[in-house]
Amino acid sequence: MSNSFSTELVPASDRLAAWQWKAQQICGDYRIQVPKHSPFRGSIEIRDVAGLELMRFYSSALSFVESPSSTSENADCMAISQLEGERSYSQNGVTNILQPGDSTLIDTGQPWSSRCLGEGARLYLRVPRRVLENRLQSSILPIAQRISGQVGLGATLFRIATSLFHEADVLKPQEGTAALEAYFEILSACFRHSGGEIQETRHHAELTSRIQAFIETHLPDPELGPITIAAALGISVRHVHRLFALKGQSVGDWIRMRRLDQCRRNFADTRFQEKTITEIAFFWGFSDSAHFSRSFKKQFGIGPRSFRAGAHKSVQTLGSGSDPFTCDPRPN
């Protein structure tokens, strides 16, 4: 069953507004830009394949930014096949330019953008993220990675996508399901054989570094946590948790460890000797002195008061040229 829209049926002066209205119904918060004084035209056709939406978008020169109102744990992904024209797709700091025949994957639960300087057409297959993770047998999706459609598996993937669109209205439900199974199998193989795992690992390392830098500059904020981090970096809370799980720790553990380390440094620095232990702890985001003391002792094997006294004593004994962090204070 097809559902179509075309600006050819709309007065020229209203075409852009009509397009944006229709696109927002499909994609959510969708802001577009077109070249000034350039006539706009476009069309959208939506077909159903085994319960999933397969959409053909055509337009004249058009750039857009999609900004989800909130990150969703149940967001969809778009498997994109470029039909005509050259178009760039960007997400999470990764940008790739697709030629006709190329494919890529976008997470619609996170901000993303696309740009095309001329006419172009593309297919969007909307897939629930949890379904795609199950099909690819991974919770780490290779977002915004280009799959070349010139030869091999990429070309096969493109042909299956276009065939799904053209045959959608005549495929029986079980046939559509079988065809989608073939599509997902080829998609998974494309990522495995294109070095996607290496590229995605590198991307995750870069994103983790950005998260850690954000944490480092916001340690004094008592509200610092996965929600504020995700909002600041434009990713989902789930993705933040997943990146730290890959490192074998939780976000909260990392924040607590970094705060404790900053407190330890301040305790050993004579410039802060007029500050109380509680003042220093509260400055670095702790809100309960008893909890802080327990956490400090668990982390470093000594209470904050004993550590501070031992560190200052070592500085006085060893002189200004020594490093107070090399001392080995013992509990009294």
C-alpha atoms as a PDB file:
ATOM      1  CA  MET A   1       0.000   0.000   0.000  1.00  0.00           C
ATOM      2  CA  SER A   2       1.542   3.297  -1.112  1.00  0.00           C
ATOM      3  CA  ASN A   3       1.166   6.784   0.322  1.00  0.00           C
ATOM      4  CA  SER A   4       2.474   9.598  -1.849  1.00  0.00           C
ATOM      5  CA  PHE A   5       2.969  13.357  -1.741  1.00  0.00           C
ATOM      6  CA  SER A   6       4.227  15.748  -4.428  1.00  0.00           C
ATOM      7  CA  THR A   7       4.808  19.493  -4.490  1.00  0.00           C
ATOM      8  CA  GLU A   8       3.594  19.489  -8.110  1.00  0.00           C
ATOM      9  CA  LEU A   9       0.084  19.608  -6.668  1.00  0.00           C
ATOM     10  CA  VAL A  10       0.910  22.682  -4.541  1.00  0.00           C
ATOM     11  CA  PRO A  11       1.228  26.338  -5.678  1.00  0.00           C
ATOM     12  CA  ALA A  12       4.884  27.244  -6.255  1.00  0.00           C
ATOM     13  CA  SER A  13       4.909  29.808  -3.425  1.00  0.00           C
ATOM     14  CA  ASP A  14       3.722  27.197  -0.907  1.00  0.00           C
ATOM     15  CA  ARG A  15       5.837  24.226  -1.980  1.00  0.00           C
ATOM     16  CA  LEU A  16       8.644  24.586   0.537  1.00  0.00           C
ATOM     17  CA  ALA A  17       6.257  25.026   3.484  1.00  0.00           C
ATOM     18  CA  ALA A  18       4.169  22.065   2.311  1.00  0.00           C
ATOM     19  CA  TRP A  19       7.290  19.906   1.998  1.00  0.00           C
ATOM     20  CA  GLN A  20       8.485  20.812   5.486  1.00  0.00           C
ATOM     21  CA  TRP A  21       5.053  20.084   6.953  1.00  0.00           C
ATOM     22  CA  LYS A  22       4.980  16.656   5.299  1.00  0.00           C
ATOM     23  CA  ALA A  23       8.591  15.868   6.233  1.00  0.00           C
ATOM     24  CA  GLN A  24       7.960  16.794   9.873  1.00  0.00           C
ATOM     25  CA  GLN A  25       5.038  14.369   9.987  1.00  0.00           C
ATOM     26  CA  ILE A  26       7.442  11.611   8.985  1.00  0.00           C
ATOM     27  CA  CYS A  27      10.730  12.644  10.591  1.00  0.00           C
ATOM     28  CA  GLY A  28       9.809  14.882  13.538  1.00  0.00           C
ATOM     29  CA  ASP A  29      11.686  18.136  14.193  1.00  0.00           C
ATOM     30  CA  TYR A  30      13.065  18.668  10.710  1.00  0.00           C
ATOM     31  CA  ARG A  31      14.572  22.052   9.737  1.00  0.00           C
ATOM     32  CA  ILE A  32      15.390  22.615   6.077  1.00  0.00           C
ATOM     33  CA  GLN A  33      17.290  25.113   3.971  1.00  0.00           C
ATOM     34  CA  VAL A  34      17.216  25.645   0.225  1.00  0.00           C
ATOM     35  CA  PRO A  35      19.224  27.987  -2.026  1.00  0.00           C
ATOM     36  CA  LYS A  36      17.733  31.472  -2.211  1.00  0.00           C
ATOM     37  CA  HIS A  37      15.606  32.300  -5.251  1.00  0.00           C
ATOM     38  CA  SER A  38      15.725  28.658  -6.354  1.00  0.00           C
ATOM     39  CA  PRO A  39      12.422  26.974  -7.315  1.00  0.00           C
ATOM     40  CA  PHE A  40      11.730  24.006  -5.072  1.00  0.00           C
ATOM     41  CA  ARG A  41      10.054  20.743  -5.928  1.00  0.00           C
ATOM     42  CA  GLY A  42       9.964  17.371  -4.310  1.00  0.00           C
ATOM     43  CA  SER A  43       8.030  14.185  -3.725  1.00  0.00           C
ATOM     44  CA  ILE A  44       7.691  11.528  -1.039  1.00  0.00           C
ATOM     45  CA  GLU A  45       6.354   8.017  -1.552  1.00  0.00           C
ATOM     46  CA  ILE A  46       5.920   5.609   1.356  1.00  0.00           C
ATOM     47  CA  ARG A  47       5.495   1.859   0.923  1.00  0.00           C
ATOM     48  CA  ASP A  48       5.045  -0.893   3.483  1.00  0.00           C
ATOM     49  CA  VAL A  49       7.348  -3.921   3.509  1.00  0.00           C
ATOM     50  CA  ALA A  50       6.458  -6.515   6.146  1.00  0.00           C
ATOM     51  CA  GLY A  51       5.369  -3.789   8.566  1.00  0.00           C
ATOM     52  CA  LEU A  52       8.351  -1.470   7.973  1.00  0.00           C
ATOM     53  CA  GLU A  53       8.196   1.855   6.141  1.00  0.00           C
ATOM     54  CA  LEU A  54      10.302   2.151   2.981  1.00  0.00           C
ATOM     55  CA  MET A  55      10.256   5.752   1.739  1.00  0.00           C
ATOM     56  CA  ARG A  56      11.493   7.365  -1.458  1.00  0.00           C
ATOM     57  CA  PHE A  57      12.409  11.046  -1.031  1.00  0.00           C
ATOM     58  CA  TYR A  58      13.100  13.200  -4.090  1.00  0.00           C
ATOM     59  CA  SER A  59      13.877  16.929  -3.979  1.00  0.00           C
ATOM     60  CA  SER A  60      15.747  19.744  -5.625  1.00  0.00           C
ATOM     61  CA  ALA A  61      18.754  21.196  -3.734  1.00  0.00           C
ATOM     62  CA  LEU A  62      18.006  20.795  -0.032  1.00  0.00           C
ATOM     63  CA  SER A  63      19.853  20.713   3.291  1.00  0.00           C
ATOM     64  CA  PHE A  64      18.297  19.724   6.586  1.00  0.00           C
ATOM     65  CA  VAL A  65      18.977  19.145  10.272  1.00  0.00           C
ATOM     66  CA  GLU A  66      16.891  16.751  12.315  1.00  0.00           C
ATOM     67  CA  SER A  67      16.985  17.406  16.062  1.00  0.00           C
ATOM     68  CA  PRO A  68      14.970  14.956  18.171  1.00  0.00           C
ATOM     69  CA  SER A  69      13.144  16.728  20.990  1.00  0.00           C
ATOM     70  CA  SER A  70      14.495  14.103  23.384  1.00  0.00           C
ATOM     71  CA  THR A  71      16.723  11.063  23.102  1.00  0.00           C
ATOM     72  CA  SER A  72      14.653   7.906  23.025  1.00  0.00           C
ATOM     73  CA  GLU A  73      15.623   4.444  24.167  1.00  0.00           C
ATOM     74  CA  ASN A  74      13.222   3.089  21.519  1.00  0.00           C
ATOM     75  CA  ALA A  75      14.342   5.292  18.629  1.00  0.00           C
ATOM     76  CA  ASP A  76      14.368   4.198  15.018  1.00  0.00           C
ATOM     77  CA  CYS A  77      17.247   3.916  12.599  1.00  0.00           C
ATOM     78  CA  MET A  78      17.217   4.825   8.921  1.00  0.00           C
ATOM     79  CA  ALA A  79      18.989   2.569   6.445  1.00  0.00           C
ATOM     80  CA  ILE A  80      19.599   4.955   3.550  1.00  0.00           C
ATOM     81  CA  SER A  81      20.209   4.073  -0.108  1.00  0.00           C
ATOM     82  CA  GLN A  82      21.259   6.929  -2.390  1.00  0.00           C
ATOM     83  CA  LEU A  83      19.350   6.703  -5.684  1.00  0.00           C
ATOM     84  CA  GLU A  84      20.280   9.906  -7.536  1.00  0.00           C
ATOM     85  CA  GLY A  85      22.648  12.797  -6.927  1.00  0.00           C
ATOM     86  CA  GLU A  86      25.468  13.238  -4.435  1.00  0.00           C
ATOM     87  CA  ARG A  87      24.499  13.801  -0.811  1.00  0.00           C
ATOM     88  CA  SER A  88      26.365  14.141   2.512  1.00  0.00           C
ATOM     89  CA  TYR A  89      25.139  12.647   5.790  1.00  0.00           C
ATOM     90  CA  SER A  90      26.540  13.668   9.185  1.00  0.00           C
ATOM     91  CA  GLN A  91      26.055  12.340  12.721  1.00  0.00           C
ATOM     92  CA  ASN A  92      28.160  12.312  15.905  1.00  0.00           C
ATOM     93  CA  GLY A  93      31.020  14.135  14.184  1.00  0.00           C
ATOM     94  CA  VAL A  94      31.163  11.648  11.288  1.00  0.00           C
ATOM     95  CA  THR A  95      30.405  12.840   7.733  1.00  0.00           C
ATOM     96  CA  ASN A  96      30.272  10.757   4.578  1.00  0.00           C
ATOM     97  CA  ILE A  97      29.293  11.650   1.023  1.00  0.00           C
ATOM     98  CA  LEU A  98      27.095   9.133  -0.759  1.00  0.00           C
ATOM     99  CA  GLN A  99      27.087   8.607  -4.517  1.00  0.00           C
ATOM    100  CA  PRO A 100      24.257   6.821  -6.339  1.00  0.00           C
ATOM    101  CA  GLY A 101      24.316   3.200  -5.208  1.00  0.00           C
ATOM    102  CA  ASP A 102      25.913   3.905  -1.823  1.00  0.00           C
ATOM    103  CA  SER A 103      24.236   3.219   1.525  1.00  0.00           C
ATOM    104  CA  THR A 104      24.578   4.329   5.142  1.00  0.00           C
ATOM    105  CA  LEU A 105      22.895   4.010   8.529  1.00  0.00           C
ATOM    106  CA  ILE A 106      21.556   6.859  10.701  1.00  0.00           C
ATOM    107  CA  ASP A 107      20.230   6.785  14.290  1.00  0.00           C
ATOM    108  CA  THR A 108      17.163   9.061  14.345  1.00  0.00           C
ATOM    109  CA  GLY A 109      17.254   9.206  18.150  1.00  0.00           C
ATOM    110  CA  GLN A 110      20.252  11.536  17.825  1.00  0.00           C
ATOM    111  CA  PRO A 111      20.711  14.800  15.878  1.00  0.00           C
ATOM    112  CA  TRP A 112      21.800  14.332  12.271  1.00  0.00           C
ATOM    113  CA  SER A 113      22.024  16.394   9.126  1.00  0.00           C
ATOM    114  CA  SER A 114      22.230  16.045   5.366  1.00  0.00           C
ATOM    115  CA  ARG A 115      23.189  18.315   2.506  1.00  0.00           C
ATOM    116  CA  CYS A 116      22.813  18.218  -1.282  1.00  0.00           C
ATOM    117  CA  LEU A 117      23.660  20.996  -3.734  1.00  0.00           C
ATOM    118  CA  GLY A 118      21.524  19.622  -6.547  1.00  0.00           C
ATOM    119  CA  GLU A 119      18.587  17.335  -7.273  1.00  0.00           C
ATOM    120  CA  GLY A 120      18.659  13.994  -5.543  1.00  0.00           C
ATOM    121  CA  ALA A 121      16.645  10.960  -4.517  1.00  0.00           C
ATOM    122  CA  ARG A 122      17.147   8.428  -1.751  1.00  0.00           C
ATOM    123  CA  LEU A 123      15.411   5.520  -0.061  1.00  0.00           C
ATOM    124  CA  TYR A 124      14.868   5.471   3.704  1.00  0.00           C
ATOM    125  CA  LEU A 125      14.060   2.164   5.403  1.00  0.00           C
ATOM    126  CA  ARG A 126      12.812   2.924   8.924  1.00  0.00           C
ATOM    127  CA  VAL A 127      13.775   0.181  11.376  1.00  0.00           C
ATOM    128  CA  PRO A 128      13.269   0.153  15.170  1.00  0.00           C
ATOM    129  CA  ARG A 129      16.718   0.304  16.735  1.00  0.00           C
ATOM    130  CA  ARG A 130      16.137  -2.769  18.874  1.00  0.00           C
ATOM    131  CA  VAL A 131      15.206  -4.744  15.740  1.00  0.00           C
ATOM    132  CA  LEU A 132      18.338  -3.604  13.927  1.00  0.00           C
ATOM    133  CA  GLU A 133      20.546  -4.415  16.927  1.00  0.00           C
ATOM    134  CA  ASN A 134      19.047  -7.900  16.952  1.00  0.00           C
ATOM    135  CA  ARG A 135      19.531  -8.347  13.204  1.00  0.00           C
ATOM    136  CA  LEU A 136      23.137  -7.148  13.303  1.00  0.00           C
ATOM    137  CA  GLN A 137      23.744  -8.988  16.606  1.00  0.00           C
ATOM    138  CA  SER A 138      25.314  -5.891  18.132  1.00  0.00           C
ATOM    139  CA  SER A 139      24.205  -3.002  20.322  1.00  0.00           C
ATOM    140  CA  ILE A 140      26.953  -0.866  18.761  1.00  0.00           C
ATOM    141  CA  LEU A 141      25.746   0.366  15.393  1.00  0.00           C
ATOM    142  CA  PRO A 142      28.133   1.694  12.707  1.00  0.00           C
ATOM    143  CA  ILE A 143      26.469   5.088  12.330  1.00  0.00           C
ATOM    144  CA  ALA A 144      27.056   7.323   9.266  1.00  0.00           C
ATOM    145  CA  GLN A 145      29.493   4.855   7.714  1.00  0.00           C
ATOM    146  CA  ARG A 146      29.522   4.795   3.903  1.00  0.00           C
ATOM    147  CA  ILE A 147      28.877   1.474   2.184  1.00  0.00           C
ATOM    148  CA  SER A 148      30.103   1.701  -1.397  1.00  0.00           C
ATOM    149  CA  GLY A 149      27.570   0.480  -3.928  1.00  0.00           C
ATOM    150  CA  GLN A 150      30.002   0.186  -6.819  1.00  0.00           C
ATOM    151  CA  VAL A 151      30.736  -3.543  -6.526  1.00  0.00           C
ATOM    152  CA  GLY A 152      30.313  -6.579  -4.310  1.00  0.00           C
ATOM    153  CA  LEU A 153      28.138  -6.664  -1.214  1.00  0.00           C
ATOM    154  CA  GLY A 154      27.372  -2.920  -1.312  1.00  0.00           C
ATOM    155  CA  ALA A 155      26.011  -3.224  -4.844  1.00  0.00           C
ATOM    156  CA  THR A 156      23.960  -6.247  -3.809  1.00  0.00           C
ATOM    157  CA  LEU A 157      22.558  -4.349  -0.819  1.00  0.00           C
ATOM    158  CA  PHE A 158      21.526  -1.457  -3.074  1.00  0.00           C
ATOM    159  CA  ARG A 159      19.781  -3.759  -5.566  1.00  0.00           C
ATOM    160  CA  ILE A 160      17.834  -5.474  -2.780  1.00  0.00           C
ATOM    161  CA  ALA A 161      16.733  -2.085  -1.367  1.00  0.00           C
ATOM    162  CA  THR A 162      15.508  -0.806  -4.725  1.00  0.00           C
ATOM    163  CA  SER A 163      13.782  -4.118  -5.487  1.00  0.00           C
ATOM    164  CA  LEU A 164      12.011  -3.990  -2.125  1.00  0.00           C
ATOM    165  CA  PHE A 165      10.638  -0.558  -3.004  1.00  0.00           C
ATOM    166  CA  HIS A 166       9.503  -1.469  -6.517  1.00  0.00           C
ATOM    167  CA  GLU A 167       7.943  -4.787  -5.486  1.00  0.00           C
ATOM    168  CA  ALA A 168       6.496  -3.696  -2.126  1.00  0.00           C
ATOM    169  CA  ASP A 169       2.897  -3.554  -3.348  1.00  0.00           C
ATOM    170  CA  VAL A 170       2.925  -7.079  -4.784  1.00  0.00           C
ATOM    171  CA  LEU A 171       4.989  -8.900  -2.156  1.00  0.00           C
ATOM    172  CA  LYS A 172       3.023 -11.171   0.145  1.00  0.00           C
ATOM    173  CA  PRO A 173       3.714 -10.653   3.889  1.00  0.00           C
ATOM    174  CA  GLN A 174       5.915 -13.745   4.159  1.00  0.00           C
ATOM    175  CA  GLU A 175       7.753 -12.759   0.975  1.00  0.00           C
ATOM    176  CA  GLY A 176       8.400  -9.278   2.347  1.00  0.00           C
ATOM    177  CA  THR A 177       9.722 -10.769   5.588  1.00  0.00           C
ATOM    178  CA  ALA A 178      12.061 -13.080   3.669  1.00  0.00           C
ATOM    179  CA  ALA A 179      13.297 -10.204   1.517  1.00  0.00           C
ATOM    180  CA  LEU A 180      13.994  -8.071   4.606  1.00  0.00           C
ATOM    181  CA  GLU A 181      15.893 -10.961   6.186  1.00  0.00           C
ATOM    182  CA  ALA A 182      18.117 -11.044   3.089  1.00  0.00           C
ATOM    183  CA  TYR A 183      18.578  -7.264   3.253  1.00  0.00           C
ATOM    184  CA  PHE A 184      19.640  -7.298   6.918  1.00  0.00           C
ATOM    185  CA  GLU A 185      21.978 -10.231   6.321  1.00  0.00           C
ATOM    186  CA  ILE A 186      23.745  -8.364   3.496  1.00  0.00           C
ATOM    187  CA  LEU A 187      23.791  -5.123   5.537  1.00  0.00           C
ATOM    188  CA  SER A 188      25.500  -6.923   8.424  1.00  0.00           C
ATOM    189  CA  ALA A 189      28.019  -8.518   6.055  1.00  0.00           C
ATOM    190  CA  CYS A 190      28.781  -5.112   4.488  1.00  0.00           C
ATOM    191  CA  PHE A 191      29.759  -3.667   7.860  1.00  0.00           C
ATOM    192  CA  ARG A 192      31.859  -6.692   8.761  1.00  0.00           C
ATOM    193  CA  HIS A 193      33.773  -6.737   5.488  1.00  0.00           C
ATOM    194  CA  SER A 194      34.257  -2.978   5.085  1.00  0.00           C
ATOM    195  CA  GLY A 195      36.315  -2.535   8.242  1.00  0.00           C
ATOM    196  CA  GLY A 196      33.295  -1.059   9.994  1.00  0.00           C
ATOM    197  CA  GLU A 197      34.197  -2.602  13.330  1.00  0.00           C
ATOM    198  CA  ILE A 198      37.594  -0.880  13.301  1.00  0.00           C
ATOM    199  CA  GLN A 199      36.101   2.458  12.241  1.00  0.00           C
ATOM    200  CA  GLU A 200      33.339   2.208  14.830  1.00  0.00           C
ATOM    201  CA  THR A 201      35.830   1.356  17.565  1.00  0.00           C
ATOM    202  CA  ARG A 202      37.827   4.448  16.641  1.00  0.00           C
ATOM    203  CA  HIS A 203      34.667   6.571  16.614  1.00  0.00           C
ATOM    204  CA  HIS A 204      33.634   5.270  20.036  1.00  0.00           C
ATOM    205  CA  ALA A 205      37.098   6.011  21.416  1.00  0.00           C
ATOM    206  CA  GLU A 206      36.822   9.594  20.128  1.00  0.00           C
ATOM    207  CA  LEU A 207      33.330  10.006  21.578  1.00  0.00           C
ATOM    208  CA  THR A 208      34.411   8.543  24.921  1.00  0.00           C
ATOM    209  CA  SER A 209      37.261  11.077  24.985  1.00  0.00           C
ATOM    210  CA  ARG A 210      34.784  13.905  24.407  1.00  0.00           C
ATOM    211  CA  ILE A 211      32.572  12.612  27.208  1.00  0.00           C
ATOM    212  CA  GLN A 212      35.504  12.352  29.596  1.00  0.00           C
ATOM    213  CA  ALA A 213      36.617  15.888  28.704  1.00  0.00           C
ATOM    214  CA  PHE A 214      33.091  17.154  29.401  1.00  0.00           C
ATOM    215  CA  ILE A 215      33.071  15.342  32.746  1.00  0.00           C
ATOM    216  CA  GLU A 216      36.457  16.789  33.663  1.00  0.00           C
ATOM    217  CA  THR A 217      35.294  20.381  33.113  1.00  0.00           C
ATOM    218  CA  HIS A 218      31.986  19.842  34.942  1.00  0.00           C
ATOM    219  CA  LEU A 219      33.106  17.827  37.974  1.00  0.00           C
ATOM    220  CA  PRO A 220      32.049  20.564  40.455  1.00  0.00           C
ATOM    221  CA  ASP A 221      28.462  20.409  39.147  1.00  0.00           C
ATOM    222  CA  PRO A 222      26.469  18.218  41.580  1.00  0.00           C
ATOM    223  CA  GLU A 223      23.928  17.550  38.792  1.00  0.00           C
ATOM    224  CA  LEU A 224      26.554  15.985  36.521  1.00  0.00           C
ATOM    225  CA  GLY A 225      25.369  12.594  35.336  1.00  0.00           C
ATOM    226  CA  PRO A 226      24.391  10.524  32.287  1.00  0.00           C
ATOM    227  CA  ILE A 227      21.371  12.714  31.446  1.00  0.00           C
ATOM    228  CA  THR A 228      23.309  16.008  31.410  1.00  0.00           C
ATOM    229  CA  ILE A 229      26.193  14.385  29.507  1.00  0.00           C
ATOM    230  CA  ALA A 230      23.879  12.941  26.858  1.00  0.00           C
ATOM    231  CA  ALA A 231      22.077  16.268  26.413  1.00  0.00           C
ATOM    232  CA  ALA A 232      25.336  18.197  26.067  1.00  0.00           C
ATOM    233  CA  LEU A 233      26.798  15.848  23.444  1.00  0.00           C
ATOM    234  CA  GLY A 234      23.570  15.181  21.559  1.00  0.00           C
ATOM    235  CA  ILE A 235      23.517  11.428  22.156  1.00  0.00           C
ATOM    236  CA  SER A 236      21.206   9.073  24.021  1.00  0.00           C
ATOM    237  CA  VAL A 237      21.585   8.233  27.703  1.00  0.00           C
ATOM    238  CA  ARG A 238      21.693   4.612  26.673  1.00  0.00           C
ATOM    239  CA  HIS A 239      24.642   5.318  24.384  1.00  0.00           C
ATOM    240  CA  VAL A 240      26.534   7.019  27.223  1.00  0.00           C
ATOM    241  CA  HIS A 241      26.036   3.963  29.439  1.00  0.00           C
ATOM    242  CA  ARG A 242      27.047   1.633  26.601  1.00  0.00           C
ATOM    243  CA  LEU A 243      30.331   3.456  25.925  1.00  0.00           C
ATOM    244  CA  PHE A 244      31.366   3.166  29.576  1.00  0.00           C
ATOM    245  CA  ALA A 245      30.235  -0.463  29.740  1.00  0.00           C
ATOM    246  CA  LEU A 246      32.754  -1.166  26.973  1.00  0.00           C
ATOM    247  CA  LYS A 247      35.413   0.111  29.390  1.00  0.00           C
ATOM    248  CA  GLY A 248      34.099  -2.175  32.141  1.00  0.00           C
ATOM    249  CA  GLN A 249      32.765   0.595  34.384  1.00  0.00           C
ATOM    250  CA  SER A 250      29.732   2.789  34.931  1.00  0.00           C
ATOM    251  CA  VAL A 251      29.398   6.524  34.297  1.00  0.00           C
ATOM    252  CA  GLY A 252      28.807   7.120  37.996  1.00  0.00           C
ATOM    253  CA  ASP A 253      31.951   5.176  38.944  1.00  0.00           C
ATOM    254  CA  TRP A 254      34.061   7.268  36.558  1.00  0.00           C
ATOM    255  CA  ILE A 255      32.668  10.584  37.839  1.00  0.00           C
ATOM    256  CA  ARG A 256      33.168   9.537  41.472  1.00  0.00           C
ATOM    257  CA  MET A 257      36.732   8.378  40.771  1.00  0.00           C
ATOM    258  CA  ARG A 258      37.663  11.658  39.066  1.00  0.00           C
ATOM    259  CA  ARG A 259      36.123  13.717  41.880  1.00  0.00           C
ATOM    260  CA  LEU A 260      37.955  11.710  44.515  1.00  0.00           C
ATOM    261  CA  ASP A 261      41.236  12.172  42.662  1.00  0.00           C
ATOM    262  CA  GLN A 262      40.734  15.940  42.518  1.00  0.00           C
ATOM    263  CA  CYS A 263      39.981  16.002  46.241  1.00  0.00           C
ATOM    264  CA  ARG A 264      43.109  13.955  46.939  1.00  0.00           C
ATOM    265  CA  ARG A 265      45.201  16.432  44.980  1.00  0.00           C
ATOM    266  CA  ASN A 266      43.724  19.384  46.839  1.00  0.00           C
ATOM    267  CA  PHE A 267      44.313  17.719  50.213  1.00  0.00           C
ATOM    268  CA  ALA A 268      48.003  17.294  49.355  1.00  0.00           C
ATOM    269  CA  ASP A 269      48.373  20.866  48.035  1.00  0.00           C
ATOM    270  CA  THR A 270      49.436  23.376  50.697  1.00  0.00           C
ATOM    271  CA  ARG A 271      47.610  26.123  48.798  1.00  0.00           C
ATOM    272  CA  PHE A 272      44.335  24.592  50.015  1.00  0.00           C
ATOM    273  CA  GLN A 273      45.339  23.988  53.623  1.00  0.00           C
ATOM    274  CA  GLU A 274      42.941  26.698  54.841  1.00  0.00           C
ATOM    275  CA  LYS A 275      40.021  24.882  53.229  1.00  0.00           C
ATOM    276  CA  THR A 276      38.279  22.206  55.280  1.00  0.00           C
ATOM    277  CA  ILE A 277      37.886  18.670  54.005  1.00  0.00           C
ATOM    278  CA  THR A 278      34.141  19.207  53.680  1.00  0.00           C
ATOM    279  CA  GLU A 279      34.586  22.431  51.707  1.00  0.00           C
ATOM    280  CA  ILE A 280      36.885  20.729  49.221  1.00  0.00           C
ATOM    281  CA  ALA A 281      34.635  17.696  48.915  1.00  0.00           C
ATOM    282  CA  PHE A 282      31.533  19.804  48.344  1.00  0.00           C
ATOM    283  CA  PHE A 283      33.345  21.958  45.790  1.00  0.00           C
ATOM    284  CA  TRP A 284      34.024  18.835  43.690  1.00  0.00           C
ATOM    285  CA  GLY A 285      30.384  17.804  43.643  1.00  0.00           C
ATOM    286  CA  PHE A 286      29.938  15.671  46.746  1.00  0.00           C
ATOM    287  CA  SER A 287      26.931  16.482  48.907  1.00  0.00           C
ATOM    288  CA  ASP A 288      27.341  14.179  51.919  1.00  0.00           C
ATOM    289  CA  SER A 289      30.531  14.347  54.005  1.00  0.00           C
ATOM    290  CA  ALA A 290      30.097  10.905  55.580  1.00  0.00           C
ATOM    291  CA  HIS A 291      29.541   9.273  52.195  1.00  0.00           C
ATOM    292  CA  PHE A 292      32.550  11.154  50.823  1.00  0.00           C
ATOM    293  CA  SER A 293      34.821   9.916  53.635  1.00  0.00           C
ATOM    294  CA  ARG A 294      33.751   6.321  53.078  1.00  0.00           C
ATOM    295  CA  SER A 295      34.264   6.613  49.319  1.00  0.00           C
ATOM    296  CA  PHE A 296      37.691   8.211  49.765  1.00  0.00           C
ATOM    297  CA  LYS A 297      38.876   5.465  52.138  1.00  0.00           C
ATOM    298  CA  LYS A 298      37.551   2.750  49.837  1.00  0.00           C
ATOM    299  CA  GLN A 299      39.325   4.303  46.849  1.00  0.00           C
ATOM    300  CA  PHE A 300      42.689   5.076  48.452  1.00  0.00           C
ATOM    301  CA  GLY A 301      42.809   2.802  51.502  1.00  0.00           C
ATOM    302  CA  ILE A 302      43.027   5.713  53.950  1.00  0.00           C
ATOM    303  CA  GLY A 303      40.637   8.306  55.345  1.00  0.00           C
ATOM    304  CA  PRO A 304      40.827  11.870  53.984  1.00  0.00           C
ATOM    305  CA  ARG A 305      41.910  13.378  57.314  1.00  0.00           C
ATOM    306  CA  SER A 306      44.794  10.920  57.755  1.00  0.00           C
ATOM    307  CA  PHE A 307      45.818  11.293  54.130  1.00  0.00           C
ATOM    308  CA  ARG A 308      45.870  15.067  54.364  1.00  0.00           C
ATOM    309  CA  ALA A 309      47.935  15.065  57.560  1.00  0.00           C
ATOM    310  CA  GLY A 310      50.396  12.569  56.107  1.00  0.00           C
ATOM    311  CA  ALA A 311      50.735  14.425  52.804  1.00  0.00           C
ATOM    312  CA  HIS A 312      51.445  17.768  54.498  1.00  0.00           C
ATOM    313  CA  LYS A 313      53.914  16.137  56.892  1.00  0.00           C
ATOM    314  CA  SER A 314      55.757  14.598  53.938  1.00  0.00           C
ATOM    315  CA  VAL A 315      55.989  17.966  52.198  1.00  0.00           C
ATOM    316  CA  GLN A 316      57.420  19.576  55.308  1.00  0.00           C
ATOM    317  CA  THR A 317      59.895  16.746  55.810  1.00  0.00           C
ATOM    318  CA  LEU A 318      61.017  16.227  52.233  1.00  0.00           C
ATOM    319  CA  GLY A 319      61.048  19.867  51.142  1.00  0.00           C
ATOM    320  CA  SER A 320      59.505  21.734  48.275  1.00  0.00           C
ATOM    321  CA  GLY A 321      61.349  19.727  45.612  1.00  0.00           C
ATOM    322  CA  SER A 322      59.570  16.483  46.400  1.00  0.00           C
ATOM    323  CA  ASP A 323      56.294  15.168  45.010  1.00  0.00           C
ATOM    324  CA  PRO A 324      53.656  14.725  47.729  1.00  0.00           C
ATOM    325  CA  PHE A 325      51.837  12.166  45.606  1.00  0.00           C
ATOM    326  CA  THR A 326      54.704   9.704  45.968  1.00  0.00           C
ATOM    327  CA  CYS A 327      54.239   9.457  49.702  1.00  0.00           C
ATOM    328  CA  ASP A 328      52.618   6.366  51.149  1.00  0.00           C
ATOM    329  CA  PRO A 329      50.561   7.622  54.078  1.00  0.00           C
ATOM    330  CA  ARG A 330      49.305   4.914  56.393  1.00  0.00           C
ATOM    331  CA  PRO A 331      46.197   5.028  58.576  1.00  0.00           C
ATOM    332  CA  ASN A 332      46.834   5.837  62.211  1.00  0.00           C
END
